[in-house]
Protein backbone atom coordinates (compact mmCIF):
# COMPACT_ATOMS: atom_id res chain seq x y z
CA MET A 1 32.22 -95.11 -159.60
CA LEU A 2 35.47 -96.92 -160.44
CA LYS A 3 36.91 -97.74 -163.84
CA PHE A 4 40.15 -99.42 -164.89
CA GLU A 5 41.05 -98.79 -168.53
CA ASP A 6 43.84 -101.06 -169.84
CA VAL A 7 45.74 -100.67 -166.57
CA SER A 8 49.18 -102.18 -166.12
CA PHE A 9 51.42 -101.83 -163.08
CA GLY A 10 54.68 -103.18 -161.73
CA PHE A 11 57.63 -102.27 -159.59
CA THR A 12 60.62 -104.24 -160.90
CA GLU A 13 58.36 -106.55 -162.89
CA GLU A 14 54.76 -106.34 -164.07
CA LEU A 15 52.17 -107.43 -161.48
CA PHE A 16 49.19 -107.16 -163.80
CA ALA A 17 48.59 -106.07 -167.37
CA ASN A 18 45.74 -104.52 -169.37
CA VAL A 19 43.24 -104.77 -166.53
CA ASN A 20 39.74 -103.58 -167.42
CA PHE A 21 36.75 -103.51 -165.10
CA ALA A 22 34.10 -101.09 -163.88
CA LEU A 23 32.21 -100.68 -160.62
CA HIS A 24 28.95 -98.76 -160.61
CA PRO A 25 26.91 -97.05 -157.88
CA GLY A 26 25.00 -99.68 -155.93
CA GLU A 27 27.57 -102.43 -156.55
CA ILE A 28 29.92 -104.39 -154.28
CA ALA A 29 32.83 -106.34 -155.75
CA VAL A 30 35.01 -108.70 -153.73
CA LEU A 31 38.53 -109.22 -155.07
CA THR A 32 40.28 -112.50 -154.33
CA GLY A 33 43.48 -114.20 -155.47
CA LYS A 34 46.60 -115.86 -154.10
CA ASN A 35 49.00 -113.99 -151.84
CA GLY A 36 51.48 -111.86 -153.73
CA VAL A 37 49.50 -111.45 -156.95
CA GLY A 38 49.01 -107.72 -156.37
CA LYS A 39 45.55 -107.29 -154.78
CA SER A 40 46.60 -104.67 -152.22
CA THR A 41 48.66 -102.93 -154.89
CA LEU A 42 45.63 -102.80 -157.17
CA LEU A 43 43.56 -101.29 -154.36
CA ARG A 44 46.17 -98.56 -153.88
CA LEU A 45 45.79 -97.66 -157.54
CA CYS A 46 42.12 -96.92 -156.86
CA ASN A 47 42.78 -93.93 -154.60
CA GLY A 48 45.98 -92.63 -156.17
CA LEU A 49 48.45 -93.96 -153.61
CA LEU A 50 50.02 -95.61 -156.65
CA LYS A 51 49.77 -94.52 -160.28
CA PRO A 52 49.37 -96.95 -163.19
CA THR A 53 52.39 -97.71 -165.34
CA LYS A 54 50.03 -97.78 -168.30
CA GLY A 55 46.36 -97.06 -168.74
CA ARG A 56 43.99 -94.98 -166.63
CA VAL A 57 42.09 -95.32 -163.38
CA ARG A 58 38.96 -93.24 -162.82
CA THR A 59 37.70 -92.93 -159.24
CA ALA A 60 34.35 -91.21 -158.73
CA GLY A 61 34.90 -89.66 -162.16
CA PHE A 62 38.41 -88.36 -161.42
CA LEU A 63 41.56 -89.58 -163.17
CA THR A 64 43.86 -90.64 -160.33
CA ASP A 65 47.05 -89.54 -162.09
CA GLU A 66 45.68 -86.00 -162.36
CA HIS A 67 44.61 -85.56 -158.72
CA LYS A 68 46.31 -85.75 -155.33
CA THR A 69 45.46 -88.64 -153.02
CA SER A 70 44.26 -86.10 -150.43
CA SER A 71 41.73 -84.80 -152.96
CA LEU A 72 40.58 -88.29 -153.94
CA ALA A 73 40.13 -89.17 -150.25
CA ARG A 74 37.03 -86.98 -150.20
CA HIS A 75 35.42 -89.48 -152.55
CA ALA A 76 37.20 -92.80 -151.87
CA GLY A 77 37.53 -94.12 -148.32
CA PHE A 78 40.50 -96.46 -147.89
CA LEU A 79 40.96 -99.13 -145.22
CA PHE A 80 44.43 -100.64 -144.84
CA GLN A 81 44.85 -104.30 -143.97
CA ASN A 82 46.41 -103.56 -140.57
CA PRO A 83 44.39 -101.05 -138.51
CA ASP A 84 47.45 -100.12 -136.44
CA ARG A 85 49.00 -98.58 -139.56
CA GLN A 86 45.97 -96.37 -140.01
CA ILE A 87 45.18 -95.21 -136.48
CA SER A 88 47.03 -92.10 -135.33
CA LYS A 89 45.08 -90.65 -132.40
CA HIS A 90 44.64 -91.53 -128.74
CA THR A 91 40.90 -91.97 -128.22
CA VAL A 92 38.12 -93.33 -130.43
CA ALA A 93 36.49 -89.90 -130.72
CA GLU A 94 39.75 -88.20 -131.68
CA GLU A 95 40.45 -90.78 -134.37
CA LEU A 96 36.99 -90.61 -135.90
CA LEU A 97 36.89 -86.82 -135.95
CA PHE A 98 40.42 -86.56 -137.32
CA GLY A 99 39.47 -88.20 -140.62
CA LEU A 100 36.38 -86.02 -140.84
CA SER A 101 38.48 -82.88 -140.31
CA LEU A 102 40.64 -83.82 -143.31
CA THR A 103 37.86 -84.65 -145.76
CA ALA A 104 35.17 -82.20 -144.58
CA PRO A 105 36.95 -79.41 -142.63
CA ASP A 106 33.93 -77.10 -142.72
CA THR A 107 31.71 -79.48 -140.73
CA ASP A 108 30.20 -77.60 -137.78
CA GLU A 109 30.39 -78.85 -134.21
CA ALA A 110 26.77 -79.95 -133.99
CA GLU A 111 27.11 -82.05 -137.14
CA LYS A 112 30.39 -83.55 -135.91
CA GLU A 113 28.65 -84.60 -132.71
CA ARG A 114 25.74 -86.10 -134.62
CA LEU A 115 28.03 -88.08 -136.95
CA LEU A 116 30.20 -89.26 -134.07
CA ASN A 117 27.20 -90.47 -132.06
CA ALA A 118 25.73 -92.25 -135.09
CA ILE A 119 28.87 -94.12 -136.14
CA THR A 120 29.88 -95.17 -132.60
CA ALA A 121 26.35 -96.46 -131.97
CA GLU A 122 26.40 -98.38 -135.26
CA PHE A 123 29.63 -100.20 -134.42
CA GLY A 124 29.29 -100.45 -130.65
CA LEU A 125 32.20 -98.13 -129.88
CA ASN A 126 32.77 -95.90 -126.86
CA PRO A 127 34.07 -92.48 -127.97
CA ALA A 128 36.06 -92.06 -124.75
CA ASP A 129 37.96 -95.37 -125.02
CA GLU A 130 41.72 -95.28 -125.48
CA ILE A 131 42.24 -97.07 -128.77
CA PHE A 132 45.32 -99.11 -127.95
CA THR A 133 43.70 -100.59 -124.85
CA LEU A 134 41.13 -102.20 -127.17
CA SER A 135 41.39 -105.63 -128.78
CA LYS A 136 42.60 -105.76 -132.37
CA GLY A 137 39.07 -106.54 -133.50
CA TYR A 138 37.76 -103.34 -131.94
CA ARG A 139 40.74 -101.39 -133.32
CA GLN A 140 39.70 -102.71 -136.73
CA LEU A 141 36.18 -101.40 -136.12
CA VAL A 142 37.62 -98.00 -135.16
CA ALA A 143 39.58 -97.90 -138.42
CA ILE A 144 36.47 -98.89 -140.39
CA ALA A 145 34.34 -96.29 -138.60
CA SER A 146 36.96 -93.60 -139.29
CA VAL A 147 36.45 -94.27 -143.01
CA LEU A 148 32.67 -94.49 -142.93
CA ILE A 149 32.12 -91.32 -140.88
CA THR A 150 33.40 -89.32 -143.86
CA ASP A 151 30.61 -90.77 -146.06
CA PRO A 152 32.77 -91.58 -149.12
CA ALA A 153 31.12 -92.50 -152.41
CA LEU A 154 33.52 -95.43 -152.90
CA LEU A 155 34.69 -97.85 -150.20
CA LEU A 156 38.09 -99.50 -150.70
CA PHE A 157 38.62 -102.11 -147.97
CA ASP A 158 41.62 -104.42 -147.65
CA GLU A 159 40.71 -107.54 -145.60
CA PRO A 160 38.26 -105.67 -143.34
CA THR A 161 37.21 -108.69 -141.26
CA VAL A 162 40.65 -109.47 -139.79
CA CYS A 163 40.13 -110.26 -136.08
CA LEU A 164 36.38 -109.58 -136.22
CA ASP A 165 34.02 -112.05 -134.57
CA LYS A 166 30.81 -113.31 -136.21
CA HIS A 167 28.65 -110.56 -134.74
CA GLN A 168 31.09 -107.84 -135.79
CA LYS A 169 31.24 -109.24 -139.33
CA LYS A 170 27.45 -109.09 -139.54
CA THR A 171 27.47 -105.51 -138.27
CA LEU A 172 30.07 -104.57 -140.89
CA ALA A 173 28.20 -106.35 -143.69
CA ASP A 174 24.98 -104.56 -142.71
CA GLY A 175 26.80 -101.22 -142.63
CA ILE A 176 28.31 -101.73 -146.07
CA SER A 177 25.03 -102.98 -147.53
CA SER A 178 23.05 -100.00 -146.25
CA ARG A 179 25.51 -97.62 -147.87
CA ILE A 180 25.44 -99.53 -151.15
CA LYS A 181 21.63 -99.27 -151.18
CA ALA A 182 22.10 -95.51 -150.81
CA GLY A 183 24.11 -95.43 -154.04
CA LYS A 184 27.67 -95.95 -152.83
CA ALA A 185 30.01 -98.62 -154.25
CA ALA A 186 32.61 -100.90 -152.66
CA LEU A 187 35.67 -102.85 -153.74
CA ILE A 188 36.74 -105.24 -150.99
CA ILE A 189 39.72 -107.58 -150.80
CA SER A 190 38.68 -110.60 -148.79
CA HIS A 191 39.21 -114.35 -148.45
CA ASP A 192 36.65 -114.58 -145.65
CA LEU A 193 34.01 -116.89 -147.14
CA GLU A 194 31.62 -116.37 -144.22
CA PHE A 195 31.72 -112.62 -144.81
CA ILE A 196 31.52 -112.88 -148.61
CA ASP A 197 28.43 -115.09 -148.32
CA ILE A 198 26.64 -112.36 -146.35
CA LEU A 199 27.27 -109.72 -149.02
CA ASP A 200 25.32 -109.46 -152.25
CA CYS A 201 28.38 -108.92 -154.42
CA LYS A 202 30.11 -109.78 -157.64
CA LYS A 203 33.36 -111.70 -157.35
CA LEU A 204 36.59 -110.77 -159.10
CA ILE A 205 39.75 -112.87 -159.17
CA LEU A 206 43.20 -111.43 -159.81
CA LYS A 207 45.00 -114.27 -161.54
CA ASP A 208 47.72 -114.56 -164.17
CA LYS A 209 48.11 -110.73 -164.22
CA VAL A 210 44.49 -110.07 -165.20
CA ILE A 211 41.13 -109.75 -163.46
CA LYS A 212 38.56 -112.46 -164.14
CA GLU A 213 34.91 -112.31 -163.12
């Protein structure tokens, strides 16, 4: 589902070098490491927001440097660290259906309604709520739901539990786990030990410019 082949990347200086790892259907990997080592940058390489300086990244079988990010988004759902940088619509329903319209524009109205009802029920969201009247924890859930409603094969989540309470973390963990059992895969940046303990995952550490298992 995701493969790094001798990947190096840097802006003014190299953040990591010759990174190799693979993520298969049915697997969750949690990526940890100190602040500033390049975790969020590495995640952006996974969906083509950034291109490797050297090496190749394959996402759902596609080479990221040969495909547009908008094309890869049909296969890889990306969650930014701050939900307010991801949300662009007024109500919960508008936000959730907006992402769906970009990745699956041919979805008919009945299916849209079914998907909207299912995802809002799963995460305890009210479709009519105005998003920026909600707490940051619920805005985070809206951002997560906007990714999951598109049913991507690969989940790329950057610190998804920020501002979530214990119950919300359990709901998120259950949602991720059910999708992994259905053959999806997930790469998650997290330092939330409570959340990591819930997940059945392999742990990766970005340290000294390489990934260590």
